[in-house]
Amino acid sequence: MPKMQRLTYFCRQAALFSHCSLIIFIILWQLLLSPHPQLSTFTITALWVMPLLLPLPGMRAAKPYTHAWANFILLFYVLHAVTLISLNNGERGLAVIELIIVSICFMSNILFARLRAKELGIKLKRLSQVEREERARYND
């Protein structure tokens, strides 16, 4: 595997650190800081953490594609944080922390995927090119 540039390496480390920080923060939030009064805290915690564990092997292997699709999972946590910030006064502070961590993770994933793909010579086709190819394939 080709060596990473310094900025690419920094973005990868930021992505891994913020992703793991989000996992730890959610575990602390659900088990200690604000456990759900009616539901099993371990079940709820597992349901919140499991999606974040899916991209970890690919992120540890520095795969740009995994960093990119991990952002689809992170969108759920962005939505959760924004909803709590706007509706729940009791957990607003925790939701702000969640949003900050998720935002750092999201941006560092994007930057790492873009920089690493450029270093490896991986090119994504432009949407207009993909549309032309699909149109040609289906119209023939």
N, C-alpha and C. Protein backbone atom coordinates (compact mmCIF):
# COMPACT_ATOMS: atom_id res chain seq x y z
N MET A 1 0.85 -1.18 0.00
CA MET A 1 0.00 0.00 0.00
C MET A 1 0.89 1.24 0.00
N PRO A 2 0.61 2.17 -0.90
CA PRO A 2 1.42 3.40 -0.95
C PRO A 2 1.33 4.18 0.36
N LYS A 3 2.40 4.88 0.66
CA LYS A 3 2.46 5.67 1.88
C LYS A 3 1.51 6.86 1.79
N MET A 4 0.92 7.21 2.93
CA MET A 4 -0.03 8.32 2.99
C MET A 4 0.70 9.64 3.18
N GLN A 5 0.14 10.67 2.59
CA GLN A 5 0.61 12.03 2.83
C GLN A 5 0.26 12.41 4.27
N ARG A 6 0.90 13.43 4.77
CA ARG A 6 0.69 13.85 6.16
C ARG A 6 -0.77 14.27 6.43
N LEU A 7 -1.36 15.06 5.53
CA LEU A 7 -2.74 15.50 5.72
C LEU A 7 -3.71 14.32 5.66
N THR A 8 -3.46 13.39 4.76
CA THR A 8 -4.31 12.20 4.66
C THR A 8 -4.24 11.40 5.95
N TYR A 9 -3.04 11.22 6.45
CA TYR A 9 -2.85 10.49 7.71
C TYR A 9 -3.57 11.19 8.86
N PHE A 10 -3.47 12.50 8.93
CA PHE A 10 -4.15 13.27 9.98
C PHE A 10 -5.66 13.09 9.88
N CYS A 11 -6.21 13.16 8.67
CA CYS A 11 -7.66 13.00 8.48
C CYS A 11 -8.11 11.60 8.89
N ARG A 12 -7.30 10.60 8.57
CA ARG A 12 -7.64 9.23 8.96
C ARG A 12 -7.64 9.09 10.48
N GLN A 13 -6.62 9.64 11.13
CA GLN A 13 -6.55 9.57 12.59
C GLN A 13 -7.73 10.31 13.23
N ALA A 14 -8.08 11.45 12.67
CA ALA A 14 -9.22 12.21 13.20
C ALA A 14 -10.51 11.42 13.02
N ALA A 15 -10.66 10.76 11.88
CA ALA A 15 -11.86 9.95 11.62
C ALA A 15 -11.95 8.79 12.60
N LEU A 16 -10.85 8.08 12.79
CA LEU A 16 -10.85 6.94 13.71
C LEU A 16 -11.10 7.39 15.15
N PHE A 17 -10.41 8.46 15.55
CA PHE A 17 -10.56 8.94 16.92
C PHE A 17 -11.99 9.42 17.19
N SER A 18 -12.55 10.20 16.26
CA SER A 18 -13.90 10.72 16.48
C SER A 18 -14.94 9.59 16.41
N HIS A 19 -14.73 8.61 15.54
CA HIS A 19 -15.66 7.48 15.45
C HIS A 19 -15.66 6.69 16.76
N CYS A 20 -14.48 6.38 17.26
CA CYS A 20 -14.38 5.66 18.53
C CYS A 20 -14.90 6.51 19.69
N SER A 21 -14.67 7.81 19.63
CA SER A 21 -15.19 8.72 20.66
C SER A 21 -16.72 8.71 20.67
N LEU A 22 -17.31 8.66 19.48
CA LEU A 22 -18.77 8.60 19.39
C LEU A 22 -19.30 7.31 20.01
N ILE A 23 -18.64 6.20 19.75
CA ILE A 23 -19.05 4.92 20.35
C ILE A 23 -18.99 5.01 21.87
N ILE A 24 -17.88 5.49 22.39
CA ILE A 24 -17.70 5.60 23.84
C ILE A 24 -18.71 6.58 24.44
N PHE A 25 -18.92 7.71 23.77
CA PHE A 25 -19.87 8.70 24.27
C PHE A 25 -21.29 8.14 24.34
N ILE A 26 -21.69 7.40 23.31
CA ILE A 26 -23.04 6.84 23.31
C ILE A 26 -23.20 5.79 24.42
N ILE A 27 -22.16 4.98 24.62
CA ILE A 27 -22.22 4.01 25.72
C ILE A 27 -22.37 4.73 27.06
N LEU A 28 -21.57 5.76 27.27
CA LEU A 28 -21.67 6.52 28.53
C LEU A 28 -23.03 7.20 28.66
N TRP A 29 -23.51 7.78 27.58
CA TRP A 29 -24.80 8.47 27.58
C TRP A 29 -25.91 7.51 27.97
N GLN A 30 -25.96 6.37 27.30
CA GLN A 30 -27.08 5.45 27.49
C GLN A 30 -27.00 4.66 28.81
N LEU A 31 -25.78 4.39 29.28
CA LEU A 31 -25.65 3.60 30.51
C LEU A 31 -25.53 4.44 31.78
N LEU A 32 -24.88 5.60 31.69
CA LEU A 32 -24.59 6.36 32.90
C LEU A 32 -25.21 7.75 32.96
N LEU A 33 -25.05 8.52 31.90
CA LEU A 33 -25.43 9.93 31.94
C LEU A 33 -26.94 10.14 31.90
N SER A 34 -27.64 9.38 31.08
CA SER A 34 -29.09 9.55 30.95
C SER A 34 -29.74 8.25 30.49
N PRO A 35 -29.72 7.23 31.35
CA PRO A 35 -30.32 5.95 30.94
C PRO A 35 -31.83 6.07 30.77
N HIS A 36 -32.37 5.25 29.88
CA HIS A 36 -33.81 5.26 29.62
C HIS A 36 -34.52 4.62 30.80
N PRO A 37 -35.55 5.29 31.36
CA PRO A 37 -36.18 4.79 32.58
C PRO A 37 -37.01 3.50 32.39
N GLN A 38 -37.62 3.32 31.22
CA GLN A 38 -38.51 2.17 31.05
C GLN A 38 -37.89 0.98 30.31
N LEU A 39 -36.84 1.20 29.57
CA LEU A 39 -36.29 0.14 28.74
C LEU A 39 -34.95 -0.36 29.29
N SER A 40 -34.56 -1.56 28.87
CA SER A 40 -33.29 -2.13 29.28
C SER A 40 -32.14 -1.28 28.71
N THR A 41 -31.30 -0.77 29.59
CA THR A 41 -30.23 0.13 29.13
C THR A 41 -29.21 -0.62 28.28
N PHE A 42 -28.97 -1.89 28.57
CA PHE A 42 -28.00 -2.64 27.78
C PHE A 42 -28.52 -2.90 26.37
N THR A 43 -29.80 -3.19 26.25
CA THR A 43 -30.39 -3.42 24.92
C THR A 43 -30.36 -2.13 24.11
N ILE A 44 -30.78 -1.05 24.72
CA ILE A 44 -30.79 0.24 24.03
C ILE A 44 -29.37 0.62 23.61
N THR A 45 -28.42 0.44 24.50
CA THR A 45 -27.03 0.77 24.19
C THR A 45 -26.51 -0.06 23.02
N ALA A 46 -26.81 -1.35 23.04
CA ALA A 46 -26.37 -2.23 21.95
C ALA A 46 -26.98 -1.78 20.62
N LEU A 47 -28.25 -1.41 20.63
CA LEU A 47 -28.90 -0.96 19.40
C LEU A 47 -28.31 0.34 18.88
N TRP A 48 -27.87 1.21 19.79
CA TRP A 48 -27.27 2.48 19.38
C TRP A 48 -25.84 2.30 18.89
N VAL A 49 -25.12 1.34 19.45
CA VAL A 49 -23.70 1.19 19.13
C VAL A 49 -23.46 0.27 17.93
N MET A 50 -24.29 -0.75 17.75
CA MET A 50 -24.05 -1.73 16.68
C MET A 50 -23.83 -1.13 15.29
N PRO A 51 -24.64 -0.18 14.85
CA PRO A 51 -24.39 0.38 13.51
C PRO A 51 -23.01 1.02 13.38
N LEU A 52 -22.51 1.58 14.48
CA LEU A 52 -21.19 2.23 14.43
C LEU A 52 -20.05 1.21 14.36
N LEU A 53 -20.31 -0.02 14.74
CA LEU A 53 -19.28 -1.05 14.69
C LEU A 53 -19.09 -1.62 13.29
N LEU A 54 -20.10 -1.49 12.43
CA LEU A 54 -20.02 -2.06 11.08
C LEU A 54 -18.85 -1.54 10.25
N PRO A 55 -18.61 -0.24 10.18
CA PRO A 55 -17.50 0.22 9.33
C PRO A 55 -16.12 0.15 9.96
N LEU A 56 -16.02 -0.19 11.24
CA LEU A 56 -14.72 -0.15 11.92
C LEU A 56 -13.63 -1.00 11.26
N PRO A 57 -13.89 -2.25 10.84
CA PRO A 57 -12.80 -3.02 10.20
C PRO A 57 -12.25 -2.33 8.95
N GLY A 58 -13.12 -1.81 8.11
CA GLY A 58 -12.67 -1.13 6.90
C GLY A 58 -11.98 0.19 7.19
N MET A 59 -12.43 0.87 8.24
CA MET A 59 -11.78 2.12 8.62
C MET A 59 -10.39 1.85 9.18
N ARG A 60 -10.26 0.78 9.96
CA ARG A 60 -8.93 0.41 10.48
C ARG A 60 -7.98 0.01 9.36
N ALA A 61 -8.54 -0.54 8.27
CA ALA A 61 -7.71 -0.93 7.13
C ALA A 61 -7.46 0.23 6.18
N ALA A 62 -7.94 1.42 6.53
CA ALA A 62 -7.73 2.65 5.75
C ALA A 62 -8.34 2.56 4.35
N LYS A 63 -9.52 2.00 4.25
CA LYS A 63 -10.20 1.90 2.96
C LYS A 63 -11.04 3.16 2.73
N PRO A 64 -10.73 3.91 1.70
CA PRO A 64 -11.46 5.16 1.47
C PRO A 64 -12.96 4.94 1.25
N TYR A 65 -13.31 3.86 0.58
CA TYR A 65 -14.73 3.58 0.31
C TYR A 65 -15.49 3.37 1.62
N THR A 66 -14.89 2.68 2.57
CA THR A 66 -15.55 2.45 3.86
C THR A 66 -15.74 3.76 4.60
N HIS A 67 -14.73 4.62 4.57
CA HIS A 67 -14.87 5.93 5.22
C HIS A 67 -16.02 6.71 4.58
N ALA A 68 -16.17 6.58 3.29
CA ALA A 68 -17.23 7.31 2.60
C ALA A 68 -18.61 6.79 2.98
N TRP A 69 -18.80 5.46 2.96
CA TRP A 69 -20.15 4.96 3.25
C TRP A 69 -20.46 4.99 4.75
N ALA A 70 -19.44 5.09 5.59
CA ALA A 70 -19.69 5.22 7.03
C ALA A 70 -20.50 6.49 7.32
N ASN A 71 -20.38 7.47 6.45
CA ASN A 71 -21.14 8.71 6.65
C ASN A 71 -22.64 8.50 6.53
N PHE A 72 -23.06 7.50 5.77
CA PHE A 72 -24.50 7.20 5.70
C PHE A 72 -25.01 6.76 7.06
N ILE A 73 -24.20 6.00 7.78
CA ILE A 73 -24.58 5.58 9.14
C ILE A 73 -24.59 6.79 10.07
N LEU A 74 -23.61 7.67 9.90
CA LEU A 74 -23.50 8.83 10.78
C LEU A 74 -24.68 9.80 10.61
N LEU A 75 -25.32 9.79 9.46
CA LEU A 75 -26.47 10.67 9.26
C LEU A 75 -27.59 10.39 10.26
N PHE A 76 -27.74 9.15 10.66
CA PHE A 76 -28.73 8.80 11.68
C PHE A 76 -28.43 9.52 12.99
N TYR A 77 -27.16 9.58 13.35
CA TYR A 77 -26.76 10.23 14.60
C TYR A 77 -26.86 11.75 14.50
N VAL A 78 -26.63 12.29 13.32
CA VAL A 78 -26.85 13.73 13.10
C VAL A 78 -28.33 14.05 13.30
N LEU A 79 -29.17 13.24 12.70
CA LEU A 79 -30.62 13.44 12.83
C LEU A 79 -31.05 13.34 14.29
N HIS A 80 -30.52 12.36 14.99
CA HIS A 80 -30.85 12.19 16.41
C HIS A 80 -30.45 13.42 17.22
N ALA A 81 -29.23 13.89 17.00
CA ALA A 81 -28.74 15.04 17.76
C ALA A 81 -29.55 16.30 17.47
N VAL A 82 -29.81 16.56 16.20
CA VAL A 82 -30.56 17.77 15.83
C VAL A 82 -31.98 17.71 16.40
N THR A 83 -32.59 16.53 16.37
CA THR A 83 -33.93 16.38 16.92
C THR A 83 -33.94 16.66 18.42
N LEU A 84 -32.98 16.09 19.14
CA LEU A 84 -32.94 16.32 20.59
C LEU A 84 -32.61 17.77 20.92
N ILE A 85 -31.76 18.39 20.15
CA ILE A 85 -31.42 19.80 20.40
C ILE A 85 -32.66 20.67 20.28
N SER A 86 -33.50 20.36 19.30
CA SER A 86 -34.66 21.20 19.08
C SER A 86 -35.86 20.83 19.97
N LEU A 87 -35.92 19.60 20.48
CA LEU A 87 -37.13 19.18 21.20
C LEU A 87 -36.95 18.85 22.68
N ASN A 88 -35.74 18.48 23.10
CA ASN A 88 -35.57 17.94 24.44
C ASN A 88 -34.61 18.81 25.24
N ASN A 89 -35.16 19.61 26.14
CA ASN A 89 -34.31 20.48 26.96
C ASN A 89 -33.42 19.69 27.90
N GLY A 90 -33.88 18.55 28.39
CA GLY A 90 -33.13 17.78 29.37
C GLY A 90 -31.85 17.17 28.82
N GLU A 91 -31.85 16.79 27.55
CA GLU A 91 -30.68 16.15 26.96
C GLU A 91 -30.02 17.01 25.89
N ARG A 92 -30.36 18.28 25.88
CA ARG A 92 -29.82 19.19 24.85
C ARG A 92 -28.29 19.25 24.89
N GLY A 93 -27.71 19.34 26.06
CA GLY A 93 -26.25 19.41 26.17
C GLY A 93 -25.58 18.16 25.64
N LEU A 94 -26.14 17.00 25.95
CA LEU A 94 -25.59 15.74 25.44
C LEU A 94 -25.72 15.68 23.92
N ALA A 95 -26.84 16.16 23.41
CA ALA A 95 -27.05 16.15 21.97
C ALA A 95 -26.08 17.09 21.24
N VAL A 96 -25.75 18.20 21.86
CA VAL A 96 -24.78 19.12 21.26
C VAL A 96 -23.41 18.45 21.18
N ILE A 97 -23.03 17.75 22.25
CA ILE A 97 -21.75 17.01 22.22
C ILE A 97 -21.79 15.95 21.13
N GLU A 98 -22.89 15.22 21.03
CA GLU A 98 -23.03 14.21 19.98
C GLU A 98 -22.89 14.83 18.60
N LEU A 99 -23.54 15.96 18.39
CA LEU A 99 -23.48 16.62 17.08
C LEU A 99 -22.06 17.08 16.75
N ILE A 100 -21.34 17.58 17.73
CA ILE A 100 -19.96 18.01 17.50
C ILE A 100 -19.08 16.82 17.11
N ILE A 101 -19.19 15.73 17.86
CA ILE A 101 -18.38 14.54 17.56
C ILE A 101 -18.74 13.98 16.18
N VAL A 102 -20.03 13.89 15.88
CA VAL A 102 -20.47 13.36 14.59
C VAL A 102 -20.00 14.27 13.45
N SER A 103 -20.04 15.57 13.65
CA SER A 103 -19.60 16.51 12.61
C SER A 103 -18.12 16.35 12.31
N ILE A 104 -17.32 16.21 13.35
CA ILE A 104 -15.88 15.99 13.15
C ILE A 104 -15.64 14.68 12.41
N CYS A 105 -16.35 13.65 12.83
CA CYS A 105 -16.21 12.35 12.18
C CYS A 105 -16.64 12.41 10.71
N PHE A 106 -17.75 13.07 10.46
CA PHE A 106 -18.28 13.20 9.10
C PHE A 106 -17.28 13.91 8.19
N MET A 107 -16.79 15.05 8.64
CA MET A 107 -15.86 15.83 7.81
C MET A 107 -14.53 15.11 7.61
N SER A 108 -14.01 14.49 8.65
CA SER A 108 -12.73 13.79 8.49
C SER A 108 -12.87 12.56 7.61
N ASN A 109 -14.03 11.90 7.65
CA ASN A 109 -14.28 10.77 6.73
C ASN A 109 -14.28 11.25 5.28
N ILE A 110 -14.96 12.35 5.03
CA ILE A 110 -15.02 12.89 3.67
C ILE A 110 -13.62 13.26 3.18
N LEU A 111 -12.90 13.99 4.01
CA LEU A 111 -11.56 14.43 3.61
C LEU A 111 -10.62 13.25 3.40
N PHE A 112 -10.66 12.27 4.31
CA PHE A 112 -9.78 11.12 4.14
C PHE A 112 -10.13 10.35 2.87
N ALA A 113 -11.41 10.11 2.64
CA ALA A 113 -11.81 9.35 1.45
C ALA A 113 -11.37 10.06 0.18
N ARG A 114 -11.54 11.36 0.14
CA ARG A 114 -11.16 12.13 -1.06
C ARG A 114 -9.63 12.14 -1.25
N LEU A 115 -8.91 12.45 -0.19
CA LEU A 115 -7.45 12.53 -0.30
C LEU A 115 -6.82 11.17 -0.60
N ARG A 116 -7.28 10.14 0.09
CA ARG A 116 -6.70 8.80 -0.10
C ARG A 116 -7.04 8.25 -1.49
N ALA A 117 -8.25 8.49 -1.94
CA ALA A 117 -8.62 8.03 -3.28
C ALA A 117 -7.76 8.72 -4.34
N LYS A 118 -7.47 10.00 -4.12
CA LYS A 118 -6.60 10.73 -5.06
C LYS A 118 -5.19 10.15 -5.04
N GLU A 119 -4.68 9.84 -3.85
CA GLU A 119 -3.34 9.25 -3.73
C GLU A 119 -3.26 7.88 -4.43
N LEU A 120 -4.34 7.10 -4.31
CA LEU A 120 -4.35 5.76 -4.89
C LEU A 120 -4.75 5.76 -6.36
N GLY A 121 -5.14 6.92 -6.87
CA GLY A 121 -5.55 7.00 -8.27
C GLY A 121 -6.94 6.46 -8.54
N ILE A 122 -7.77 6.40 -7.49
CA ILE A 122 -9.15 5.95 -7.65
C ILE A 122 -9.98 7.14 -8.09
N LYS A 123 -10.66 6.99 -9.20
CA LYS A 123 -11.48 8.10 -9.71
C LYS A 123 -12.95 7.69 -9.69
N LEU A 124 -13.76 8.56 -9.16
CA LEU A 124 -15.21 8.37 -9.24
C LEU A 124 -15.70 9.11 -10.48
N LYS A 125 -16.61 8.47 -11.17
CA LYS A 125 -17.17 9.11 -12.36
C LYS A 125 -18.11 10.23 -11.93
N ARG A 126 -18.15 11.25 -12.74
CA ARG A 126 -19.10 12.33 -12.49
C ARG A 126 -20.51 11.80 -12.75
N LEU A 127 -21.47 12.36 -12.04
CA LEU A 127 -22.85 11.93 -12.18
C LEU A 127 -23.33 12.05 -13.61
N SER A 128 -22.94 13.12 -14.30
CA SER A 128 -23.38 13.29 -15.68
C SER A 128 -22.84 12.17 -16.57
N GLN A 129 -21.62 11.72 -16.30
CA GLN A 129 -21.04 10.61 -17.08
C GLN A 129 -21.80 9.31 -16.79
N VAL A 130 -22.12 9.06 -15.55
CA VAL A 130 -22.87 7.86 -15.18
C VAL A 130 -24.25 7.88 -15.83
N GLU A 131 -24.90 9.05 -15.81
CA GLU A 131 -26.22 9.16 -16.42
C GLU A 131 -26.16 8.90 -17.92
N ARG A 132 -25.13 9.44 -18.60
CA ARG A 132 -24.98 9.19 -20.04
C ARG A 132 -24.79 7.70 -20.32
N GLU A 133 -23.95 7.05 -19.52
CA GLU A 133 -23.70 5.63 -19.72
C GLU A 133 -24.97 4.81 -19.49
N GLU A 134 -25.74 5.15 -18.47
CA GLU A 134 -26.98 4.43 -18.20
C GLU A 134 -28.01 4.66 -19.31
N ARG A 135 -28.11 5.90 -19.75
CA ARG A 135 -29.04 6.21 -20.83
C ARG A 135 -28.70 5.43 -22.09
N ALA A 136 -27.40 5.38 -22.41
CA ALA A 136 -26.96 4.64 -23.59
C ALA A 136 -27.22 3.15 -23.44
N ARG A 137 -27.03 2.61 -22.27
CA ARG A 137 -27.23 1.19 -22.03
C ARG A 137 -28.71 0.81 -22.13
N TYR A 138 -29.59 1.64 -21.61
CA TYR A 138 -31.02 1.30 -21.58
C TYR A 138 -31.75 1.71 -22.84
N ASN A 139 -31.23 2.65 -23.58
CA ASN A 139 -31.90 3.09 -24.82
C ASN A 139 -31.51 2.24 -26.01
N ASP A 140 -30.49 1.44 -25.90
CA ASP A 140 -30.08 0.57 -27.01
C ASP A 140 -30.89 -0.69 -27.08
